[in-house]
Amino acid sequence: MSLSELKLPDYREQSLAVAQRFQRIRERPVVLSVRNLQKAFGSNGSQHVAFDHVSLDIHRREFICVVGPSGCGKSTLARIVAGLDEATGGEILLNGEAFAGPCPERGMVFQGYTLFPWLTVKRNVMFGLQMQGKAPVTAEQEARQWLDMVGLSKFENLYPHELSGGMKQRVAIARALANGPRILIMDEPFAALDAQTRCQMQAYLLQIWKKVNVTILFITHDLDEAAYLADRILVMSANPGRVAELIENPVPRPRHSDQFLSPEFLALKKRLEEHIHPPAEVPEKLPMIKLTDAGDEVE
């Protein structure tokens, strides 16, 4: 039996506990407000619109995932929120105030490993603290606390090339959180990891998020990842990117891997699949150029 044939409950049918959780989230102050945001590349003669009229309010300590097909502007949105790129229209408010450029209140974790290879794990985490003007002794004490938080205190004197991919990303998370950001922007941070390590990192992230006063904006292509991590999921359409739907995740917290087969999880994933891969969507036909005769044919 295929997933489309399963009789799943509507993803909007929330339990009382889930409804109460979202009511509590809505009562929290809005940390980040995105209003009619637009981004275009190129000149007026040949302009490409990455996304258009994107609006979203994110509440304190909320976990928001952004999904959508390639080219919908997810990563561009993350860079603009982080202050690394500029929008061509609309505005973003942090705690009710407009901003320009990066600042310590917004941390960023990228897909690639962005640690300084010439610094040890501890000194990578210390870097931002020292840039804020903290004394080396204070920065070292705080760095060790964050490394303990992400479970890497035993590796503080190693260099990035001596770490696994998952460990590098944990150091990157510790380095970003050490600066005390109000919002942590994560642009597909686990995409380069193998499946097993990726699952471990998702679990680590949820544990860290519970202990830290931070709001998370998480970009991902992985629908399972979004359903596992998020409070709400922003689904974007492509060409140009627009908000297709903002979904409240019905999967109860705390989350665990057993929920991957729960009716709520499967219904939510089915709804996301309908957005990303519509049933009527026909794959583009490639030109049939035969380069060799292999002696047999494949279907």
C-alpha atoms as a PDB file:
ATOM      1  CA  MET A   1       0.000   0.000   0.000  1.00  0.00           C
ATOM      2  CA  SER A   2       1.401   3.408  -0.988  1.00  0.00           C
ATOM      3  CA  LEU A   3       1.453   6.452   1.262  1.00  0.00           C
ATOM      4  CA  SER A   4      -1.222   8.104  -0.888  1.00  0.00           C
ATOM      5  CA  GLU A   5      -3.575   5.174  -0.176  1.00  0.00           C
ATOM      6  CA  LEU A   6      -3.211   5.384   3.600  1.00  0.00           C
ATOM      7  CA  LYS A   7      -6.258   6.697   5.438  1.00  0.00           C
ATOM      8  CA  LEU A   8      -4.536   9.368   7.495  1.00  0.00           C
ATOM      9  CA  PRO A   9      -6.149  11.984   9.719  1.00  0.00           C
ATOM     10  CA  ASP A  10      -6.119  15.552   8.466  1.00  0.00           C
ATOM     11  CA  TYR A  11      -2.886  17.230   9.595  1.00  0.00           C
ATOM     12  CA  ARG A  12      -4.980  20.132  10.950  1.00  0.00           C
ATOM     13  CA  GLU A  13      -6.713  17.881  13.472  1.00  0.00           C
ATOM     14  CA  GLN A  14      -4.675  18.704  16.534  1.00  0.00           C
ATOM     15  CA  SER A  15      -4.895  17.138  19.927  1.00  0.00           C
ATOM     16  CA  LEU A  16      -5.794  19.360  22.860  1.00  0.00           C
ATOM     17  CA  ALA A  17      -2.170  19.288  24.064  1.00  0.00           C
ATOM     18  CA  VAL A  18      -0.876  20.429  20.658  1.00  0.00           C
ATOM     19  CA  ALA A  19      -3.501  23.187  20.447  1.00  0.00           C
ATOM     20  CA  GLN A  20      -2.523  24.412  23.899  1.00  0.00           C
ATOM     21  CA  ARG A  21       1.158  24.412  22.902  1.00  0.00           C
ATOM     22  CA  PHE A  22       0.469  26.684  19.941  1.00  0.00           C
ATOM     23  CA  GLN A  23      -1.672  28.945  22.089  1.00  0.00           C
ATOM     24  CA  ARG A  24       1.285  29.365  24.451  1.00  0.00           C
ATOM     25  CA  ILE A  25       3.579  30.117  21.497  1.00  0.00           C
ATOM     26  CA  ARG A  26       1.198  32.778  20.162  1.00  0.00           C
ATOM     27  CA  GLU A  27       1.171  34.474  23.559  1.00  0.00           C
ATOM     28  CA  ARG A  28       4.946  34.994  23.472  1.00  0.00           C
ATOM     29  CA  PRO A  29       6.394  38.223  22.048  1.00  0.00           C
ATOM     30  CA  VAL A  30       7.350  38.350  18.362  1.00  0.00           C
ATOM     31  CA  VAL A  31      11.141  38.282  18.029  1.00  0.00           C
ATOM     32  CA  LEU A  32      11.420  38.488  14.244  1.00  0.00           C
ATOM     33  CA  SER A  33       8.909  40.023  11.843  1.00  0.00           C
ATOM     34  CA  VAL A  34       9.285  39.615   8.072  1.00  0.00           C
ATOM     35  CA  ARG A  35       6.972  41.951   6.152  1.00  0.00           C
ATOM     36  CA  ASN A  36       6.387  41.744   2.393  1.00  0.00           C
ATOM     37  CA  LEU A  37      10.006  40.821   1.798  1.00  0.00           C
ATOM     38  CA  GLN A  38      11.235  40.789  -1.797  1.00  0.00           C
ATOM     39  CA  LYS A  39      14.540  39.875  -3.394  1.00  0.00           C
ATOM     40  CA  ALA A  40      15.516  40.214  -7.045  1.00  0.00           C
ATOM     41  CA  PHE A  41      18.852  39.736  -8.787  1.00  0.00           C
ATOM     42  CA  GLY A  42      20.133  41.508 -11.896  1.00  0.00           C
ATOM     43  CA  SER A  43      19.157  44.753 -13.585  1.00  0.00           C
ATOM     44  CA  ASN A  44      15.684  45.838 -14.658  1.00  0.00           C
ATOM     45  CA  GLY A  45      16.378  44.557 -18.154  1.00  0.00           C
ATOM     46  CA  SER A  46      17.108  40.997 -17.045  1.00  0.00           C
ATOM     47  CA  GLN A  47      15.848  40.624 -13.500  1.00  0.00           C
ATOM     48  CA  HIS A  48      15.344  37.356 -11.662  1.00  0.00           C
ATOM     49  CA  VAL A  49      12.942  37.482  -8.712  1.00  0.00           C
ATOM     50  CA  ALA A  50      14.110  35.047  -6.020  1.00  0.00           C
ATOM     51  CA  PHE A  51      11.038  35.558  -3.839  1.00  0.00           C
ATOM     52  CA  ASP A  52       8.185  38.003  -3.547  1.00  0.00           C
ATOM     53  CA  HIS A  53       5.943  39.259  -0.707  1.00  0.00           C
ATOM     54  CA  VAL A  54       7.151  36.856   1.978  1.00  0.00           C
ATOM     55  CA  SER A  55       5.701  37.656   5.407  1.00  0.00           C
ATOM     56  CA  LEU A  56       6.176  35.827   8.696  1.00  0.00           C
ATOM     57  CA  ASP A  57       6.124  36.532  12.437  1.00  0.00           C
ATOM     58  CA  ILE A  58       8.353  34.322  14.605  1.00  0.00           C
ATOM     59  CA  HIS A  59       7.716  34.174  18.349  1.00  0.00           C
ATOM     60  CA  ARG A  60      10.301  33.887  21.105  1.00  0.00           C
ATOM     61  CA  ARG A  61      11.794  30.375  21.466  1.00  0.00           C
ATOM     62  CA  GLU A  62       9.864  29.129  18.450  1.00  0.00           C
ATOM     63  CA  PHE A  63      11.425  26.626  16.021  1.00  0.00           C
ATOM     64  CA  ILE A  64      10.526  27.499  12.420  1.00  0.00           C
ATOM     65  CA  CYS A  65      11.534  25.342   9.455  1.00  0.00           C
ATOM     66  CA  VAL A  66      11.444  26.624   5.871  1.00  0.00           C
ATOM     67  CA  VAL A  67      10.969  24.102   3.056  1.00  0.00           C
ATOM     68  CA  GLY A  68      10.348  24.434  -0.648  1.00  0.00           C
ATOM     69  CA  PRO A  69      11.623  23.341  -4.055  1.00  0.00           C
ATOM     70  CA  SER A  70      15.075  24.355  -5.265  1.00  0.00           C
ATOM     71  CA  GLY A  71      15.102  27.945  -6.456  1.00  0.00           C
ATOM     72  CA  CYS A  72      12.380  29.238  -4.147  1.00  0.00           C
ATOM     73  CA  GLY A  73      14.818  31.473  -2.235  1.00  0.00           C
ATOM     74  CA  LYS A  74      15.143  29.637   1.091  1.00  0.00           C
ATOM     75  CA  SER A  75      18.870  30.231   1.525  1.00  0.00           C
ATOM     76  CA  THR A  76      18.581  33.800   0.241  1.00  0.00           C
ATOM     77  CA  LEU A  77      15.913  34.449   2.859  1.00  0.00           C
ATOM     78  CA  ALA A  78      18.236  33.069   5.543  1.00  0.00           C
ATOM     79  CA  ARG A  79      21.101  35.303   4.402  1.00  0.00           C
ATOM     80  CA  ILE A  80      18.897  38.392   4.454  1.00  0.00           C
ATOM     81  CA  VAL A  81      17.626  37.597   7.963  1.00  0.00           C
ATOM     82  CA  ALA A  82      21.253  37.115   9.051  1.00  0.00           C
ATOM     83  CA  GLY A  83      22.184  40.504   7.595  1.00  0.00           C
ATOM     84  CA  LEU A  84      24.554  38.991   5.017  1.00  0.00           C
ATOM     85  CA  ASP A  85      22.479  40.141   2.045  1.00  0.00           C
ATOM     86  CA  GLU A  86      20.037  42.975   1.368  1.00  0.00           C
ATOM     87  CA  ALA A  87      16.394  42.722   0.333  1.00  0.00           C
ATOM     88  CA  THR A  88      15.069  44.736  -2.613  1.00  0.00           C
ATOM     89  CA  GLY A  89      11.740  45.378  -0.924  1.00  0.00           C
ATOM     90  CA  GLY A  90       9.869  44.952   2.339  1.00  0.00           C
ATOM     91  CA  GLU A  91      11.436  44.957   5.786  1.00  0.00           C
ATOM     92  CA  ILE A  92      12.628  42.762   8.636  1.00  0.00           C
ATOM     93  CA  LEU A  93      12.200  43.800  12.269  1.00  0.00           C
ATOM     94  CA  LEU A  94      14.184  42.305  15.137  1.00  0.00           C
ATOM     95  CA  ASN A  95      12.456  42.987  18.455  1.00  0.00           C
ATOM     96  CA  GLY A  96      10.365  45.604  16.650  1.00  0.00           C
ATOM     97  CA  GLU A  97      13.313  47.498  15.155  1.00  0.00           C
ATOM     98  CA  ALA A  98      14.744  47.496  11.633  1.00  0.00           C
ATOM     99  CA  PHE A  99      18.383  46.476  11.249  1.00  0.00           C
ATOM    100  CA  ALA A 100      21.182  46.486   8.700  1.00  0.00           C
ATOM    101  CA  GLY A 101      24.117  44.103   8.489  1.00  0.00           C
ATOM    102  CA  PRO A 102      25.137  41.264  10.825  1.00  0.00           C
ATOM    103  CA  CYS A 103      24.954  41.638  14.588  1.00  0.00           C
ATOM    104  CA  PRO A 104      25.516  39.386  17.641  1.00  0.00           C
ATOM    105  CA  GLU A 105      21.733  39.062  18.161  1.00  0.00           C
ATOM    106  CA  ARG A 106      21.568  36.910  15.007  1.00  0.00           C
ATOM    107  CA  GLY A 107      23.770  33.825  14.814  1.00  0.00           C
ATOM    108  CA  MET A 108      24.334  31.829  11.640  1.00  0.00           C
ATOM    109  CA  VAL A 109      25.253  28.187  11.022  1.00  0.00           C
ATOM    110  CA  PHE A 110      25.996  27.301   7.396  1.00  0.00           C
ATOM    111  CA  GLN A 111      25.827  24.030   5.480  1.00  0.00           C
ATOM    112  CA  GLY A 112      29.574  23.987   4.940  1.00  0.00           C
ATOM    113  CA  TYR A 113      32.075  23.649   7.740  1.00  0.00           C
ATOM    114  CA  THR A 114      33.047  27.261   8.466  1.00  0.00           C
ATOM    115  CA  LEU A 115      35.361  26.757  11.440  1.00  0.00           C
ATOM    116  CA  PHE A 116      38.761  28.432  11.381  1.00  0.00           C
ATOM    117  CA  PRO A 117      41.140  25.542  10.559  1.00  0.00           C
ATOM    118  CA  TRP A 118      44.108  27.207  12.292  1.00  0.00           C
ATOM    119  CA  LEU A 119      42.281  27.467  15.646  1.00  0.00           C
ATOM    120  CA  THR A 120      41.489  24.712  18.116  1.00  0.00           C
ATOM    121  CA  VAL A 121      37.894  23.825  18.950  1.00  0.00           C
ATOM    122  CA  LYS A 122      38.024  25.924  22.105  1.00  0.00           C
ATOM    123  CA  ARG A 123      39.547  28.925  20.366  1.00  0.00           C
ATOM    124  CA  ASN A 124      36.966  28.726  17.584  1.00  0.00           C
ATOM    125  CA  VAL A 125      34.228  29.141  20.204  1.00  0.00           C
ATOM    126  CA  MET A 126      36.227  31.839  21.997  1.00  0.00           C
ATOM    127  CA  PHE A 127      36.645  33.910  18.824  1.00  0.00           C
ATOM    128  CA  GLY A 128      33.286  35.714  18.886  1.00  0.00           C
ATOM    129  CA  LEU A 129      33.484  36.270  22.634  1.00  0.00           C
ATOM    130  CA  GLN A 130      36.880  37.947  22.304  1.00  0.00           C
ATOM    131  CA  MET A 131      35.612  40.036  19.385  1.00  0.00           C
ATOM    132  CA  GLN A 132      32.971  41.359  21.790  1.00  0.00           C
ATOM    133  CA  GLY A 133      35.792  42.578  24.027  1.00  0.00           C
ATOM    134  CA  LYS A 134      35.703  39.874  26.680  1.00  0.00           C
ATOM    135  CA  ALA A 135      38.947  39.066  28.472  1.00  0.00           C
ATOM    136  CA  PRO A 136      40.676  35.836  27.356  1.00  0.00           C
ATOM    137  CA  VAL A 137      40.068  34.182  30.746  1.00  0.00           C
ATOM    138  CA  THR A 138      36.335  34.982  30.636  1.00  0.00           C
ATOM    139  CA  ALA A 139      36.052  33.940  26.996  1.00  0.00           C
ATOM    140  CA  GLU A 140      37.765  30.634  27.769  1.00  0.00           C
ATOM    141  CA  GLN A 141      35.439  29.905  30.701  1.00  0.00           C
ATOM    142  CA  GLU A 142      32.341  30.631  28.620  1.00  0.00           C
ATOM    143  CA  ALA A 143      33.665  28.649  25.643  1.00  0.00           C
ATOM    144  CA  ARG A 144      34.150  25.600  27.856  1.00  0.00           C
ATOM    145  CA  GLN A 145      30.569  25.916  29.112  1.00  0.00           C
ATOM    146  CA  TRP A 146      29.266  25.888  25.545  1.00  0.00           C
ATOM    147  CA  LEU A 147      31.466  22.966  24.552  1.00  0.00           C
ATOM    148  CA  ASP A 148      30.127  21.086  27.547  1.00  0.00           C
ATOM    149  CA  MET A 149      26.593  21.965  26.378  1.00  0.00           C
ATOM    150  CA  VAL A 150      27.196  20.340  22.971  1.00  0.00           C
ATOM    151  CA  GLY A 151      29.090  17.387  24.456  1.00  0.00           C
ATOM    152  CA  LEU A 152      32.548  18.241  23.110  1.00  0.00           C
ATOM    153  CA  SER A 153      34.461  19.331  26.203  1.00  0.00           C
ATOM    154  CA  LYS A 154      36.907  16.422  25.751  1.00  0.00           C
ATOM    155  CA  PHE A 155      37.867  17.686  22.295  1.00  0.00           C
ATOM    156  CA  GLU A 156      38.578  21.344  23.113  1.00  0.00           C
ATOM    157  CA  ASN A 157      42.243  21.172  22.102  1.00  0.00           C
ATOM    158  CA  LEU A 158      41.723  19.389  18.783  1.00  0.00           C
ATOM    159  CA  TYR A 159      41.728  21.156  15.413  1.00  0.00           C
ATOM    160  CA  PRO A 160      38.750  21.038  12.984  1.00  0.00           C
ATOM    161  CA  HIS A 161      40.471  18.580  10.608  1.00  0.00           C
ATOM    162  CA  GLU A 162      40.623  16.082  13.491  1.00  0.00           C
ATOM    163  CA  LEU A 163      36.827  16.100  13.954  1.00  0.00           C
ATOM    164  CA  SER A 164      34.002  14.272  12.209  1.00  0.00           C
ATOM    165  CA  GLY A 165      31.429  16.236  10.218  1.00  0.00           C
ATOM    166  CA  GLY A 166      28.839  16.068  12.991  1.00  0.00           C
ATOM    167  CA  MET A 167      31.343  17.233  15.587  1.00  0.00           C
ATOM    168  CA  LYS A 168      32.353  20.179  13.399  1.00  0.00           C
ATOM    169  CA  GLN A 169      28.738  21.292  13.164  1.00  0.00           C
ATOM    170  CA  ARG A 170      28.317  20.992  16.924  1.00  0.00           C
ATOM    171  CA  VAL A 171      31.311  23.285  17.353  1.00  0.00           C
ATOM    172  CA  ALA A 172      29.741  25.683  14.823  1.00  0.00           C
ATOM    173  CA  ILE A 173      26.499  25.672  16.824  1.00  0.00           C
ATOM    174  CA  ALA A 174      28.411  26.300  20.061  1.00  0.00           C
ATOM    175  CA  ARG A 175      30.345  29.152  18.423  1.00  0.00           C
ATOM    176  CA  ALA A 176      27.130  30.774  17.174  1.00  0.00           C
ATOM    177  CA  LEU A 177      25.294  30.390  20.499  1.00  0.00           C
ATOM    178  CA  ALA A 178      28.250  31.666  22.557  1.00  0.00           C
ATOM    179  CA  ASN A 179      27.559  35.180  21.229  1.00  0.00           C
ATOM    180  CA  GLY A 180      24.121  35.157  22.882  1.00  0.00           C
ATOM    181  CA  PRO A 181      21.911  35.566  19.767  1.00  0.00           C
ATOM    182  CA  ARG A 182      18.170  36.098  20.064  1.00  0.00           C
ATOM    183  CA  ILE A 183      17.670  34.130  16.853  1.00  0.00           C
ATOM    184  CA  LEU A 184      19.788  31.332  15.348  1.00  0.00           C
ATOM    185  CA  ILE A 185      19.614  30.991  11.551  1.00  0.00           C
ATOM    186  CA  MET A 186      20.604  27.562  10.234  1.00  0.00           C
ATOM    187  CA  ASP A 187      20.955  27.091   6.478  1.00  0.00           C
ATOM    188  CA  GLU A 188      20.754  23.329   5.818  1.00  0.00           C
ATOM    189  CA  PRO A 189      23.388  22.665   8.490  1.00  0.00           C
ATOM    190  CA  PHE A 190      23.097  18.874   8.326  1.00  0.00           C
ATOM    191  CA  ALA A 191      22.751  18.403   4.554  1.00  0.00           C
ATOM    192  CA  ALA A 192      26.360  17.264   4.061  1.00  0.00           C
ATOM    193  CA  LEU A 193      26.193  14.607   6.792  1.00  0.00           C
ATOM    194  CA  ASP A 194      25.448  10.919   6.340  1.00  0.00           C
ATOM    195  CA  ALA A 195      21.963   9.733   7.310  1.00  0.00           C
ATOM    196  CA  GLN A 196      22.931   8.295  10.714  1.00  0.00           C
ATOM    197  CA  THR A 197      24.935  11.356  11.774  1.00  0.00           C
ATOM    198  CA  ARG A 198      22.166  13.625  10.530  1.00  0.00           C
ATOM    199  CA  CYS A 199      19.625  11.898  12.782  1.00  0.00           C
ATOM    200  CA  GLN A 200      21.999  12.234  15.736  1.00  0.00           C
ATOM    201  CA  MET A 201      22.513  15.939  15.027  1.00  0.00           C
ATOM    202  CA  GLN A 202      18.754  16.550  14.869  1.00  0.00           C
ATOM    203  CA  ALA A 203      18.393  14.970  18.307  1.00  0.00           C
ATOM    204  CA  TYR A 204      21.362  16.986  19.628  1.00  0.00           C
ATOM    205  CA  LEU A 205      19.834  20.205  18.295  1.00  0.00           C
ATOM    206  CA  LEU A 206      16.511  19.613  20.041  1.00  0.00           C
ATOM    207  CA  GLN A 207      18.344  18.939  23.328  1.00  0.00           C
ATOM    208  CA  ILE A 208      20.386  22.129  22.946  1.00  0.00           C
ATOM    209  CA  TRP A 209      17.341  24.205  21.989  1.00  0.00           C
ATOM    210  CA  LYS A 210      15.534  23.137  25.165  1.00  0.00           C
ATOM    211  CA  LYS A 211      18.376  24.491  27.312  1.00  0.00           C
ATOM    212  CA  VAL A 212      19.020  27.815  25.542  1.00  0.00           C
ATOM    213  CA  ASN A 213      16.862  30.925  25.234  1.00  0.00           C
ATOM    214  CA  VAL A 214      17.042  31.108  21.448  1.00  0.00           C
ATOM    215  CA  THR A 215      14.628  31.166  18.522  1.00  0.00           C
ATOM    216  CA  ILE A 216      15.565  29.027  15.504  1.00  0.00           C
ATOM    217  CA  LEU A 217      14.972  29.648  11.792  1.00  0.00           C
ATOM    218  CA  PHE A 218      16.001  26.415  10.039  1.00  0.00           C
ATOM    219  CA  ILE A 219      16.287  25.963   6.263  1.00  0.00           C
ATOM    220  CA  THR A 220      16.001  22.404   4.951  1.00  0.00           C
ATOM    221  CA  HIS A 221      15.161  20.305   1.892  1.00  0.00           C
ATOM    222  CA  ASP A 222      14.399  17.275   4.070  1.00  0.00           C
ATOM    223  CA  LEU A 223      10.670  16.974   4.827  1.00  0.00           C
ATOM    224  CA  ASP A 224      11.253  14.377   7.569  1.00  0.00           C
ATOM    225  CA  GLU A 225      13.695  16.792   9.214  1.00  0.00           C
ATOM    226  CA  ALA A 226      11.185  19.641   9.105  1.00  0.00           C
ATOM    227  CA  ALA A 227       8.408  17.477  10.545  1.00  0.00           C
ATOM    228  CA  TYR A 228      10.713  16.228  13.312  1.00  0.00           C
ATOM    229  CA  LEU A 229      12.164  19.597  14.375  1.00  0.00           C
ATOM    230  CA  ALA A 230       9.682  22.377  13.743  1.00  0.00           C
ATOM    231  CA  ASP A 231       6.885  24.030  15.666  1.00  0.00           C
ATOM    232  CA  ARG A 232       5.679  25.573  12.418  1.00  0.00           C
ATOM    233  CA  ILE A 233       6.745  24.927   8.824  1.00  0.00           C
ATOM    234  CA  LEU A 234       6.852  27.688   6.214  1.00  0.00           C
ATOM    235  CA  VAL A 235       6.275  26.118   2.790  1.00  0.00           C
ATOM    236  CA  MET A 236       7.466  28.193  -0.163  1.00  0.00           C
ATOM    237  CA  SER A 237       6.570  27.836  -3.819  1.00  0.00           C
ATOM    238  CA  ALA A 238       9.075  28.621  -6.569  1.00  0.00           C
ATOM    239  CA  ASN A 239       9.527  31.014  -9.506  1.00  0.00           C
ATOM    240  CA  PRO A 240       9.207  33.374  -7.759  1.00  0.00           C
ATOM    241  CA  GLY A 241       9.280  32.142  -4.164  1.00  0.00           C
ATOM    242  CA  ARG A 242       6.110  32.874  -2.241  1.00  0.00           C
ATOM    243  CA  VAL A 243       4.513  31.577   0.947  1.00  0.00           C
ATOM    244  CA  ALA A 244       2.386  28.604  -0.090  1.00  0.00           C
ATOM    245  CA  GLU A 245       1.320  27.658   3.444  1.00  0.00           C
ATOM    246  CA  LEU A 246       2.364  28.092   7.059  1.00  0.00           C
ATOM    247  CA  ILE A 247       1.665  24.794   8.815  1.00  0.00           C
ATOM    248  CA  GLU A 248       1.376  24.191  12.543  1.00  0.00           C
ATOM    249  CA  ASN A 249       3.125  20.890  13.248  1.00  0.00           C
ATOM    250  CA  PRO A 250       0.637  18.473  14.870  1.00  0.00           C
ATOM    251  CA  VAL A 251       3.333  16.026  16.054  1.00  0.00           C
ATOM    252  CA  PRO A 252       3.445  16.291  19.872  1.00  0.00           C
ATOM    253  CA  ARG A 253       6.579  17.239  21.781  1.00  0.00           C
ATOM    254  CA  PRO A 254       8.902  15.892  23.059  1.00  0.00           C
ATOM    255  CA  ARG A 255       9.841  14.359  19.720  1.00  0.00           C
ATOM    256  CA  HIS A 256      11.424  10.941  19.200  1.00  0.00           C
ATOM    257  CA  SER A 257      12.155   8.657  16.256  1.00  0.00           C
ATOM    258  CA  ASP A 258       9.168   6.373  16.980  1.00  0.00           C
ATOM    259  CA  GLN A 259       6.894   9.217  15.863  1.00  0.00           C
ATOM    260  CA  PHE A 260       8.118   8.889  12.267  1.00  0.00           C
ATOM    261  CA  LEU A 261       5.392   6.284  11.751  1.00  0.00           C
ATOM    262  CA  SER A 262       2.667   8.064  13.720  1.00  0.00           C
ATOM    263  CA  PRO A 263      -0.507   9.175  11.876  1.00  0.00           C
ATOM    264  CA  GLU A 264       0.252  12.837  12.645  1.00  0.00           C
ATOM    265  CA  PHE A 265       3.777  12.626  11.220  1.00  0.00           C
ATOM    266  CA  LEU A 266       2.706  10.764   8.081  1.00  0.00           C
ATOM    267  CA  ALA A 267      -0.219  13.124   7.459  1.00  0.00           C
ATOM    268  CA  LEU A 268       2.024  16.154   7.824  1.00  0.00           C
ATOM    269  CA  LYS A 269       4.661  14.703   5.488  1.00  0.00           C
ATOM    270  CA  LYS A 270       1.977  13.857   2.928  1.00  0.00           C
ATOM    271  CA  ARG A 271       0.760  17.461   3.049  1.00  0.00           C
ATOM    272  CA  LEU A 272       4.320  18.751   2.543  1.00  0.00           C
ATOM    273  CA  GLU A 273       4.850  16.334  -0.349  1.00  0.00           C
ATOM    274  CA  GLU A 274       1.714  17.680  -2.026  1.00  0.00           C
ATOM    275  CA  HIS A 275       3.257  21.150  -1.984  1.00  0.00           C
ATOM    276  CA  ILE A 276       6.748  20.173  -3.070  1.00  0.00           C
ATOM    277  CA  HIS A 277       5.774  17.479  -5.586  1.00  0.00           C
ATOM    278  CA  PRO A 278       2.209  18.172  -6.824  1.00  0.00           C
ATOM    279  CA  PRO A 279       0.468  15.095  -8.343  1.00  0.00           C
ATOM    280  CA  ALA A 280      -0.049  16.888 -11.668  1.00  0.00           C
ATOM    281  CA  GLU A 281       3.603  17.810 -11.952  1.00  0.00           C
ATOM    282  CA  VAL A 282       5.177  16.239 -15.065  1.00  0.00           C
ATOM    283  CA  PRO A 283       8.989  15.882 -15.068  1.00  0.00           C
ATOM    284  CA  GLU A 284      10.766  17.833 -17.781  1.00  0.00           C
ATOM    285  CA  LYS A 285      11.632  15.659 -20.781  1.00  0.00           C
ATOM    286  CA  LEU A 286      15.325  15.581 -21.550  1.00  0.00           C
ATOM    287  CA  PRO A 287      16.565  15.368 -25.165  1.00  0.00           C
ATOM    288  CA  MET A 288      17.037  11.717 -26.150  1.00  0.00           C
ATOM    289  CA  ILE A 289      20.646  11.664 -27.328  1.00  0.00           C
ATOM    290  CA  LYS A 290      22.123   8.177 -27.407  1.00  0.00           C
ATOM    291  CA  LEU A 291      25.889   8.236 -26.962  1.00  0.00           C
ATOM    292  CA  THR A 292      26.624   4.538 -27.095  1.00  0.00           C
ATOM    293  CA  ASP A 293      25.112   1.168 -27.934  1.00  0.00           C
ATOM    294  CA  ALA A 294      25.366  -0.987 -24.822  1.00  0.00           C
ATOM    295  CA  GLY A 295      23.845  -4.023 -26.512  1.00  0.00           C
ATOM    296  CA  ASP A 296      20.656  -3.992 -24.487  1.00  0.00           C
ATOM    297  CA  GLU A 297      17.940  -1.540 -23.465  1.00  0.00           C
ATOM    298  CA  VAL A 298      16.645  -0.379 -20.099  1.00  0.00           C
ATOM    299  CA  GLU A 299      13.053   0.547 -19.366  1.00  0.00           C
END
